[in-house]
Amino acid sequence: ILRTLFLFFLVFFFARPVLLPNRIFSNKNEAITVVILMDVSASMGMGVGGRDVVSVAGDQAQALIRKFSNDVKVGLIGFSDRVEEEVSPTLERSSLSLAIHSLKWKPRPTNIYPALELAYKMLGNQSSGQKSILVVSDMARGGWKQFLEQQGRIEGFDPDVSLFLWEVVSNQENVGISDASLQLTEEGVLKGGWLLNKSGSQNLEPVWSCRLNDRTVAQGKINLEMKSGASVPVEAQLPEGGFFSGQIELTPDSLPFDDVFYLAGRVPKGFRVLMVDGEGGLAASDSETYYLKLALETPRDPRLELLKVIRPELLNQEQLNQYEVVILANVGDLGLMEPNLVQWVERGGGLFISAGPNWPKAPYSPFKLIRTKPLTIKNQSLKAPQGQGPKFLNISGLETFEWGQVKIHEYRPIEMDSSLTPLIQMEDGEPLLVKKQIGKGSVR
């Protein structure tokens, strides 16, 4: 019953906490001990007249203590979501005053439960008499969450201890950042955004900016119509250097602790691609690699560090370990280079092979890895990939691409086995593009 009454008392005062200083002590003939719980969580860091609330509340608490008689023991607990500072109840005022003056707000949430538990333990160690707990806080609702979940159960709870709640500040206007993220897209740009946090009368329209690697890459303004929880998009060009670090920052307001959100990430090393063109043609557009090279260079994907095109006869002059991807476009017999390419794939390389009149030749088993059949004539359309999954990750436009508009007239059927994974198929289920894992690399 006593615990129920205590919870009722807490909820009653939580609706509008009020401190009546002249009623803290009801019997002046008893020994008196007071433990002051000072909230130093992030919400107490907002500005009031050029000072944070912790400093203002500390001055007010000191003014109250000076009204106590000299035989009143006073203790102190500074708390956020943990106990930050503690002074056992004492008659000595100078050390207590210094402790209060030294309190600084912490960039942490509010949880009063650990502080209340310690306060009851402190008072339990004192001699009998009148005992009180004074909570000096902005009374943020989240600060009482654990206490309410515990249904008022506190180790050392004493129903004879009086609890007073002192609300030191009313709601203030605030615009802040609750979360933010940036991800590298297939276009080679960073895209993401941040979540808006608004409270108070919300008449603020701050300017925000995003700085990465000491350079402002995006900025904007928050309008009054935007609600708390709204997502603000951010897009930035990929920074150089293999990494990015910086911050999204708002115009400072009375709650500066959530005006900045720090970001950092790594950018993948640029890919080096070697294209081997098996049919150059008379005009540039006749080349087997012309349209692929055009697609990769218009605009140039910043993730491509190197894009080199050579003829097959020059392949033996290349150091394969300098490339992550090799594309063989309608390339004929490579002779002694084939074992070298297979070893390169096994070490982690990616090999892409496309067919044509120069390849494959009988017995239609390129690199002795994939078996194909003679040229087949069939009018078929492509079937949209099902599920898309990791193999199509970061490829935009798949949902709207008209797969059925792609017509296949001649192709070389692939003999499927358990080592092959179909990536693209025709309408009749015949695979057109497959993948085979070889060691740490793969062939497509």
Protein backbone atom coordinates (compact mmCIF):
# COMPACT_ATOMS: atom_id res chain seq x y z
CA ILE A 1 0.00 0.00 0.00
CA LEU A 2 2.80 2.40 0.91
CA ARG A 3 4.51 1.75 -2.42
CA THR A 4 1.24 2.40 -4.26
CA LEU A 5 0.82 5.69 -2.40
CA PHE A 6 4.41 6.58 -3.25
CA LEU A 7 3.76 5.98 -6.98
CA PHE A 8 0.60 8.03 -6.79
CA PHE A 9 2.57 10.80 -5.14
CA LEU A 10 5.20 10.64 -7.90
CA VAL A 11 2.66 10.74 -10.75
CA PHE A 12 0.76 13.57 -9.07
CA PHE A 13 3.84 15.76 -8.82
CA PHE A 14 5.19 14.68 -12.21
CA ALA A 15 2.22 16.37 -13.87
CA ARG A 16 3.40 19.72 -12.45
CA PRO A 17 6.28 19.40 -9.98
CA VAL A 18 6.29 22.10 -7.32
CA LEU A 19 8.74 22.77 -4.48
CA LEU A 20 7.55 24.44 -1.31
CA PRO A 21 10.82 25.27 0.52
CA ASN A 22 9.15 26.11 3.83
CA ARG A 23 7.55 22.65 3.98
CA ILE A 24 10.61 20.45 3.52
CA PHE A 25 10.88 20.11 7.30
CA SER A 26 7.80 19.54 9.39
CA ASN A 27 9.41 18.81 12.78
CA LYS A 28 12.40 20.97 13.71
CA ASN A 29 13.06 18.96 16.89
CA GLU A 30 14.31 15.91 14.96
CA ALA A 31 17.66 15.39 13.24
CA ILE A 32 17.28 16.46 9.63
CA THR A 33 19.05 15.02 6.57
CA VAL A 34 18.48 16.08 2.96
CA VAL A 35 19.96 14.47 -0.17
CA ILE A 36 19.79 16.67 -3.29
CA LEU A 37 19.61 14.91 -6.65
CA MET A 38 20.93 17.27 -9.34
CA ASP A 39 20.09 16.33 -12.94
CA VAL A 40 23.16 16.84 -15.19
CA SER A 41 21.90 14.94 -18.26
CA ALA A 42 22.04 16.34 -21.81
CA SER A 43 18.70 18.14 -21.61
CA MET A 44 20.10 20.23 -18.73
CA GLY A 45 22.72 21.64 -21.09
CA MET A 46 20.39 24.05 -22.84
CA GLY A 47 21.10 27.75 -22.55
CA VAL A 48 19.25 30.10 -20.23
CA GLY A 49 20.49 33.68 -20.35
CA GLY A 50 23.84 32.59 -21.70
CA ARG A 51 24.32 29.83 -19.09
CA ASP A 52 23.34 26.16 -19.08
CA VAL A 53 20.49 24.99 -16.85
CA VAL A 54 22.82 22.97 -14.60
CA SER A 55 24.62 26.18 -13.57
CA VAL A 56 21.37 28.10 -13.02
CA ALA A 57 19.82 25.24 -11.03
CA GLY A 58 23.01 24.91 -8.99
CA ASP A 59 22.83 28.56 -7.97
CA GLN A 60 19.20 28.14 -6.95
CA ALA A 61 20.00 25.00 -4.96
CA GLN A 62 22.84 26.82 -3.16
CA ALA A 63 20.47 29.67 -2.30
CA LEU A 64 18.06 27.13 -0.79
CA ILE A 65 20.82 25.42 1.22
CA ARG A 66 21.83 28.76 2.74
CA LYS A 67 18.35 28.92 4.29
CA PHE A 68 18.93 25.62 6.11
CA SER A 69 20.05 25.77 9.74
CA ASN A 70 23.60 24.62 10.46
CA ASP A 71 22.47 21.35 12.03
CA VAL A 72 20.88 20.11 8.77
CA LYS A 73 22.98 17.49 7.02
CA VAL A 74 22.97 17.85 3.22
CA GLY A 75 24.19 15.30 0.67
CA LEU A 76 24.51 15.58 -3.12
CA ILE A 77 24.11 13.22 -6.08
CA GLY A 78 24.69 14.45 -9.63
CA PHE A 79 23.07 12.09 -12.15
CA SER A 80 22.40 11.53 -15.84
CA ASP A 81 21.63 7.91 -16.73
CA ARG A 82 24.15 7.03 -14.01
CA VAL A 83 25.59 8.58 -10.87
CA GLU A 84 28.08 11.24 -11.98
CA GLU A 85 28.97 12.80 -8.61
CA GLU A 86 28.21 12.00 -4.97
CA VAL A 87 28.78 13.68 -1.61
CA SER A 88 27.60 11.92 1.53
CA PRO A 89 25.33 13.94 3.86
CA THR A 90 27.47 16.38 5.83
CA LEU A 91 27.26 19.49 7.96
CA GLU A 92 30.30 20.96 6.21
CA ARG A 93 29.00 23.46 3.66
CA SER A 94 32.15 24.51 1.79
CA SER A 95 32.87 21.09 0.23
CA LEU A 96 29.20 20.72 -0.69
CA SER A 97 29.16 24.16 -2.31
CA LEU A 98 32.29 23.35 -4.29
CA ALA A 99 30.78 20.06 -5.49
CA ILE A 100 27.60 21.78 -6.69
CA HIS A 101 29.61 24.52 -8.42
CA SER A 102 31.72 21.86 -10.19
CA LEU A 103 28.73 20.01 -11.70
CA LYS A 104 28.70 20.03 -15.52
CA TRP A 105 26.06 18.66 -17.89
CA LYS A 106 26.90 15.37 -19.62
CA PRO A 107 25.99 14.28 -23.18
CA ARG A 108 23.93 11.39 -21.84
CA PRO A 109 20.20 10.63 -21.41
CA THR A 110 18.26 10.86 -18.14
CA ASN A 111 17.56 7.94 -15.80
CA ILE A 112 16.82 8.86 -12.19
CA TYR A 113 16.59 5.26 -10.92
CA PRO A 114 20.31 4.73 -10.00
CA ALA A 115 20.40 8.12 -8.25
CA LEU A 116 17.23 7.42 -6.24
CA GLU A 117 18.58 4.02 -5.21
CA LEU A 118 21.83 5.59 -3.96
CA ALA A 119 19.92 8.37 -2.16
CA TYR A 120 17.88 5.84 -0.14
CA LYS A 121 21.08 4.00 0.75
CA MET A 122 22.70 7.24 1.90
CA LEU A 123 19.71 8.09 4.07
CA GLY A 124 19.58 4.54 5.41
CA ASN A 125 23.06 5.06 6.85
CA GLN A 126 21.98 8.17 8.75
CA SER A 127 20.62 8.25 12.27
CA SER A 128 16.88 8.39 12.78
CA GLY A 129 15.10 11.64 12.21
CA GLN A 130 13.46 13.50 9.38
CA LYS A 131 14.85 12.52 5.97
CA SER A 132 14.11 14.05 2.59
CA ILE A 133 15.13 13.67 -1.06
CA LEU A 134 15.02 16.77 -3.26
CA VAL A 135 15.13 16.12 -7.03
CA VAL A 136 16.31 19.16 -9.02
CA SER A 137 15.59 18.44 -12.70
CA ASP A 138 13.76 19.49 -15.83
CA MET A 139 11.58 16.39 -15.23
CA ALA A 140 12.06 14.82 -18.66
CA ARG A 141 9.59 11.96 -18.96
CA GLY A 142 12.20 9.49 -20.14
CA GLY A 143 14.11 9.95 -16.89
CA TRP A 144 11.42 8.09 -14.93
CA LYS A 145 10.99 5.18 -17.36
CA GLN A 146 13.04 2.58 -15.44
CA PHE A 147 11.52 3.64 -12.13
CA LEU A 148 8.02 3.11 -13.47
CA GLU A 149 9.01 -0.21 -15.07
CA GLN A 150 10.24 -1.35 -11.65
CA GLN A 151 6.85 -0.29 -10.22
CA GLY A 152 8.55 1.79 -7.54
CA ARG A 153 10.72 -1.07 -6.22
CA ILE A 154 13.96 0.47 -4.91
CA GLU A 155 16.53 -1.23 -2.72
CA GLY A 156 16.51 0.40 0.70
CA PHE A 157 13.17 2.14 0.08
CA ASP A 158 11.90 3.93 3.20
CA PRO A 159 8.28 5.14 3.17
CA ASP A 160 9.12 7.69 5.86
CA VAL A 161 11.48 9.54 3.52
CA SER A 162 9.84 12.59 1.92
CA LEU A 163 10.37 13.10 -1.81
CA PHE A 164 10.24 16.58 -3.35
CA LEU A 165 10.44 17.32 -7.08
CA TRP A 166 11.73 20.70 -8.23
CA GLU A 167 11.12 21.51 -11.88
CA VAL A 168 13.87 23.99 -12.73
CA VAL A 169 12.97 24.82 -16.33
CA SER A 170 9.94 24.78 -18.61
CA ASN A 171 9.81 23.41 -22.15
CA GLN A 172 12.12 25.21 -24.55
CA GLU A 173 12.13 25.45 -28.32
CA ASN A 174 14.56 22.98 -29.81
CA VAL A 175 15.47 21.67 -33.24
CA GLY A 176 18.01 18.88 -33.30
CA ILE A 177 19.31 15.78 -35.07
CA SER A 178 18.23 12.39 -33.72
CA ASP A 179 20.01 10.18 -36.30
CA ALA A 180 21.95 10.42 -39.57
CA SER A 181 23.60 8.12 -42.12
CA LEU A 182 25.30 8.20 -45.53
CA GLN A 183 25.75 5.26 -47.93
CA LEU A 184 27.76 4.88 -51.13
CA THR A 185 25.47 4.32 -54.16
CA GLU A 186 26.21 2.71 -57.50
CA GLU A 187 26.42 6.17 -59.07
CA GLY A 188 29.48 6.79 -56.90
CA VAL A 189 27.83 9.40 -54.68
CA LEU A 190 26.99 9.41 -51.00
CA LYS A 191 23.26 9.45 -50.28
CA GLY A 192 21.36 9.38 -47.03
CA GLY A 193 19.83 11.85 -44.64
CA TRP A 194 19.16 12.80 -41.06
CA LEU A 195 16.10 12.70 -38.80
CA LEU A 196 14.65 15.90 -37.40
CA ASN A 197 13.90 16.28 -33.70
CA LYS A 198 11.63 19.21 -32.74
CA SER A 199 10.13 20.25 -29.41
CA GLY A 200 8.61 23.31 -27.77
CA SER A 201 6.54 25.76 -29.82
CA GLN A 202 8.75 24.92 -32.81
CA ASN A 203 9.05 28.41 -34.28
CA LEU A 204 12.69 27.86 -35.25
CA GLU A 205 13.91 27.61 -38.87
CA PRO A 206 17.60 26.75 -38.54
CA VAL A 207 20.09 26.30 -41.37
CA TRP A 208 21.89 22.97 -41.62
CA SER A 209 25.11 22.00 -43.35
CA CYS A 210 27.04 18.81 -44.02
CA ARG A 211 30.85 18.96 -43.95
CA LEU A 212 32.97 16.01 -45.05
CA ASN A 213 36.76 15.97 -45.10
CA ASP A 214 36.85 19.69 -44.18
CA ARG A 215 34.58 20.68 -47.07
CA THR A 216 30.91 21.74 -47.09
CA VAL A 217 29.19 19.28 -49.43
CA ALA A 218 25.48 20.00 -48.73
CA GLN A 219 23.30 22.50 -46.92
CA GLY A 220 19.70 23.62 -46.53
CA LYS A 221 17.07 25.19 -44.27
CA ILE A 222 14.41 23.65 -42.04
CA ASN A 223 10.96 25.14 -42.55
CA LEU A 224 8.19 25.43 -39.98
CA GLU A 225 6.00 22.80 -41.71
CA MET A 226 8.49 19.98 -41.09
CA LYS A 227 7.44 17.74 -38.20
CA SER A 228 9.58 15.96 -35.66
CA GLY A 229 10.77 12.65 -37.11
CA ALA A 230 10.88 13.95 -40.71
CA SER A 231 13.78 12.77 -42.85
CA VAL A 232 16.00 15.42 -44.43
CA PRO A 233 17.81 14.05 -47.52
CA VAL A 234 21.54 14.57 -48.01
CA GLU A 235 23.54 13.89 -51.19
CA ALA A 236 27.25 14.51 -51.64
CA GLN A 237 29.96 13.72 -54.16
CA LEU A 238 32.31 10.93 -53.17
CA PRO A 239 35.31 12.43 -51.32
CA GLU A 240 38.84 11.51 -52.24
CA GLY A 241 41.18 9.68 -49.91
CA GLY A 242 39.40 6.34 -49.38
CA PHE A 243 37.36 7.59 -46.38
CA PHE A 244 35.07 10.36 -45.23
CA SER A 245 34.55 11.97 -41.83
CA GLY A 246 32.69 15.06 -40.79
CA GLN A 247 29.42 16.24 -39.36
CA ILE A 248 25.91 17.44 -40.02
CA GLU A 249 25.39 20.64 -38.06
CA LEU A 250 22.42 22.88 -37.26
CA THR A 251 22.37 26.53 -36.29
CA PRO A 252 22.93 26.41 -32.49
CA ASP A 253 19.85 26.84 -30.30
CA SER A 254 19.06 26.61 -26.59
CA LEU A 255 19.76 22.84 -26.63
CA PRO A 256 23.18 22.58 -28.29
CA PHE A 257 23.76 18.92 -27.42
CA ASP A 258 21.75 17.65 -30.42
CA ASP A 259 22.76 20.30 -32.96
CA VAL A 260 25.68 18.22 -34.31
CA PHE A 261 25.81 14.62 -35.57
CA TYR A 262 29.17 13.14 -36.50
CA LEU A 263 29.65 10.84 -39.52
CA ALA A 264 32.50 8.65 -40.73
CA GLY A 265 32.96 5.84 -43.23
CA ARG A 266 35.30 4.13 -45.65
CA VAL A 267 35.09 4.37 -49.43
CA PRO A 268 35.96 1.17 -51.36
CA LYS A 269 39.24 1.19 -53.22
CA GLY A 270 38.76 2.01 -56.92
CA PHE A 271 38.33 -0.94 -59.27
CA ARG A 272 40.86 -1.49 -62.04
CA VAL A 273 39.29 -3.02 -65.14
CA LEU A 274 41.04 -4.55 -68.15
CA MET A 275 38.96 -5.01 -71.33
CA VAL A 276 40.26 -7.36 -74.01
CA ASP A 277 38.57 -6.49 -77.31
CA GLY A 278 38.43 -9.47 -79.68
CA GLU A 279 36.92 -7.54 -82.61
CA GLY A 280 38.02 -3.95 -83.12
CA GLY A 281 36.07 -3.30 -86.34
CA LEU A 282 36.58 -0.51 -88.86
CA ALA A 283 34.74 2.14 -86.85
CA ALA A 284 34.93 2.77 -83.13
CA SER A 285 31.29 1.77 -82.70
CA ASP A 286 32.06 -1.63 -84.27
CA SER A 287 34.26 -2.52 -81.32
CA GLU A 288 33.02 -5.25 -79.00
CA THR A 289 33.74 -3.06 -75.95
CA TYR A 290 32.61 0.32 -77.35
CA TYR A 291 29.19 0.52 -75.70
CA LEU A 292 30.33 -1.02 -72.41
CA LYS A 293 33.20 1.43 -72.15
CA LEU A 294 30.84 4.30 -73.06
CA ALA A 295 28.40 3.26 -70.34
CA LEU A 296 31.13 3.15 -67.71
CA GLU A 297 32.63 6.49 -68.68
CA THR A 298 29.49 8.63 -69.26
CA PRO A 299 29.66 9.90 -66.62
CA ARG A 300 32.79 8.29 -65.23
CA ASP A 301 32.04 6.18 -62.19
CA PRO A 302 34.39 7.47 -59.45
CA ARG A 303 34.72 3.91 -58.17
CA LEU A 304 36.63 3.06 -61.35
CA GLU A 305 40.28 3.77 -60.78
CA LEU A 306 41.44 2.44 -64.17
CA LEU A 307 39.71 1.35 -67.38
CA LYS A 308 42.06 -0.03 -70.04
CA VAL A 309 41.23 -1.58 -73.44
CA ILE A 310 43.72 -3.81 -75.29
CA ARG A 311 43.82 -6.30 -78.15
CA PRO A 312 44.15 -10.05 -77.31
CA GLU A 313 47.72 -10.27 -78.61
CA LEU A 314 48.83 -7.78 -75.93
CA LEU A 315 47.31 -9.67 -73.01
CA ASN A 316 50.54 -11.54 -72.25
CA GLN A 317 52.23 -8.21 -71.57
CA GLU A 318 49.83 -7.30 -68.76
CA GLN A 319 50.35 -7.97 -65.05
CA LEU A 320 46.99 -9.51 -64.10
CA ASN A 321 47.51 -8.87 -60.38
CA GLN A 322 47.16 -5.15 -61.14
CA TYR A 323 43.45 -5.62 -62.05
CA GLU A 324 40.34 -6.62 -60.13
CA VAL A 325 38.22 -7.30 -63.24
CA VAL A 326 39.09 -8.69 -66.70
CA ILE A 327 36.52 -8.63 -69.51
CA LEU A 328 37.06 -10.91 -72.54
CA ALA A 329 34.79 -9.62 -75.32
CA ASN A 330 34.55 -12.09 -78.23
CA VAL A 331 38.14 -13.19 -77.70
CA GLY A 332 39.45 -16.31 -79.50
CA ASP A 333 41.99 -18.85 -78.27
CA LEU A 334 44.29 -17.34 -75.65
CA GLY A 335 46.71 -20.28 -75.64
CA LEU A 336 49.15 -20.20 -72.71
CA MET A 337 47.38 -17.24 -71.09
CA GLU A 338 44.34 -19.35 -70.15
CA PRO A 339 46.01 -21.13 -67.16
CA ASN A 340 47.32 -17.74 -65.96
CA LEU A 341 43.82 -16.27 -66.06
CA VAL A 342 42.36 -19.24 -64.14
CA GLN A 343 45.01 -18.84 -61.42
CA TRP A 344 44.27 -15.13 -61.26
CA VAL A 345 40.55 -15.87 -60.75
CA GLU A 346 41.32 -18.39 -58.02
CA ARG A 347 43.21 -15.66 -56.14
CA GLY A 348 40.13 -13.41 -56.16
CA GLY A 349 39.80 -11.91 -59.65
CA GLY A 350 36.53 -11.39 -61.50
CA LEU A 351 36.43 -12.66 -65.12
CA PHE A 352 33.60 -11.73 -67.50
CA ILE A 353 33.40 -13.58 -70.85
CA SER A 354 31.07 -12.63 -73.72
CA ALA A 355 30.50 -14.76 -76.81
CA GLY A 356 30.78 -13.82 -80.49
CA PRO A 357 31.97 -15.16 -83.84
CA ASN A 358 35.54 -15.49 -82.50
CA TRP A 359 34.52 -17.43 -79.41
CA PRO A 360 33.91 -20.03 -78.31
CA LYS A 361 35.32 -22.54 -80.76
CA ALA A 362 34.85 -26.29 -80.59
CA PRO A 363 34.75 -28.07 -78.22
CA TYR A 364 32.93 -25.02 -76.81
CA SER A 365 34.36 -25.24 -73.28
CA PRO A 366 36.11 -21.97 -72.45
CA PHE A 367 38.93 -22.46 -69.96
CA LYS A 368 37.49 -25.96 -69.41
CA LEU A 369 35.20 -24.37 -66.86
CA ILE A 370 31.86 -23.94 -68.64
CA ARG A 371 30.48 -26.19 -71.39
CA THR A 372 28.46 -24.62 -74.19
CA LYS A 373 26.62 -25.98 -77.21
CA PRO A 374 26.70 -24.97 -80.88
CA LEU A 375 25.13 -21.69 -81.97
CA THR A 376 21.33 -21.78 -81.70
CA ILE A 377 18.77 -19.56 -83.44
CA LYS A 378 15.70 -18.81 -81.39
CA ASN A 379 13.54 -15.71 -80.94
CA GLN A 380 13.25 -15.13 -77.21
CA SER A 381 12.81 -12.25 -74.79
CA LEU A 382 14.54 -11.82 -71.46
CA LYS A 383 12.78 -12.65 -68.22
CA ALA A 384 13.03 -10.21 -65.32
CA PRO A 385 15.32 -11.60 -62.57
CA GLN A 386 13.38 -13.02 -59.65
CA GLY A 387 14.17 -11.79 -56.17
CA GLN A 388 17.16 -9.79 -57.43
CA GLY A 389 19.06 -10.47 -54.18
CA PRO A 390 22.77 -9.80 -53.54
CA LYS A 391 23.89 -10.46 -57.14
CA PHE A 392 21.98 -7.35 -58.29
CA LEU A 393 22.74 -5.22 -55.23
CA ASN A 394 23.36 -1.52 -56.00
CA ILE A 395 22.06 -1.76 -59.59
CA SER A 396 19.47 0.95 -60.08
CA GLY A 397 16.52 0.83 -62.47
CA LEU A 398 15.91 -2.94 -62.25
CA GLU A 399 12.29 -2.51 -61.17
CA THR A 400 11.40 -0.31 -64.14
CA PHE A 401 13.65 -1.88 -66.79
CA GLU A 402 11.67 -3.39 -69.69
CA TRP A 403 13.28 -6.82 -69.78
CA GLY A 404 10.75 -8.09 -72.30
CA GLN A 405 11.95 -5.53 -74.86
CA VAL A 406 15.32 -7.26 -75.12
CA LYS A 407 15.13 -9.81 -77.98
CA ILE A 408 17.56 -12.70 -78.41
CA HIS A 409 17.97 -14.22 -81.88
CA GLU A 410 21.27 -16.12 -81.71
CA TYR A 411 23.00 -17.50 -78.67
CA ARG A 412 25.11 -20.41 -77.44
CA PRO A 413 23.22 -22.54 -74.91
CA ILE A 414 25.04 -23.26 -71.65
CA GLU A 415 25.11 -26.76 -70.22
CA MET A 416 24.00 -26.24 -66.65
CA ASP A 417 25.47 -28.16 -63.72
CA SER A 418 25.48 -27.78 -59.94
CA SER A 419 28.47 -25.40 -60.01
CA LEU A 420 26.65 -22.79 -62.11
CA THR A 421 24.25 -20.13 -60.85
CA PRO A 422 21.89 -18.56 -63.42
CA LEU A 423 21.82 -14.76 -63.23
CA ILE A 424 19.75 -13.83 -66.31
CA GLN A 425 17.37 -16.16 -68.15
CA MET A 426 15.18 -16.07 -71.24
CA GLU A 427 11.42 -16.47 -71.09
CA ASP A 428 11.67 -20.25 -71.59
CA GLY A 429 14.04 -20.56 -68.63
CA GLU A 430 17.20 -21.02 -70.73
CA PRO A 431 20.13 -19.35 -68.92
CA LEU A 432 21.83 -16.51 -70.77
CA LEU A 433 24.23 -15.31 -68.06
CA VAL A 434 25.67 -17.60 -65.39
CA LYS A 435 28.18 -17.37 -62.55
CA LYS A 436 30.74 -19.92 -61.41
CA GLN A 437 32.75 -19.56 -58.21
CA ILE A 438 36.41 -20.55 -58.57
CA GLY A 439 38.51 -20.26 -55.43
CA LYS A 440 38.20 -16.69 -54.13
CA GLY A 441 37.04 -15.30 -57.49
CA SER A 442 34.31 -15.94 -60.04
CA VAL A 443 33.65 -16.29 -63.78
CA ARG A 444 30.58 -14.93 -65.54
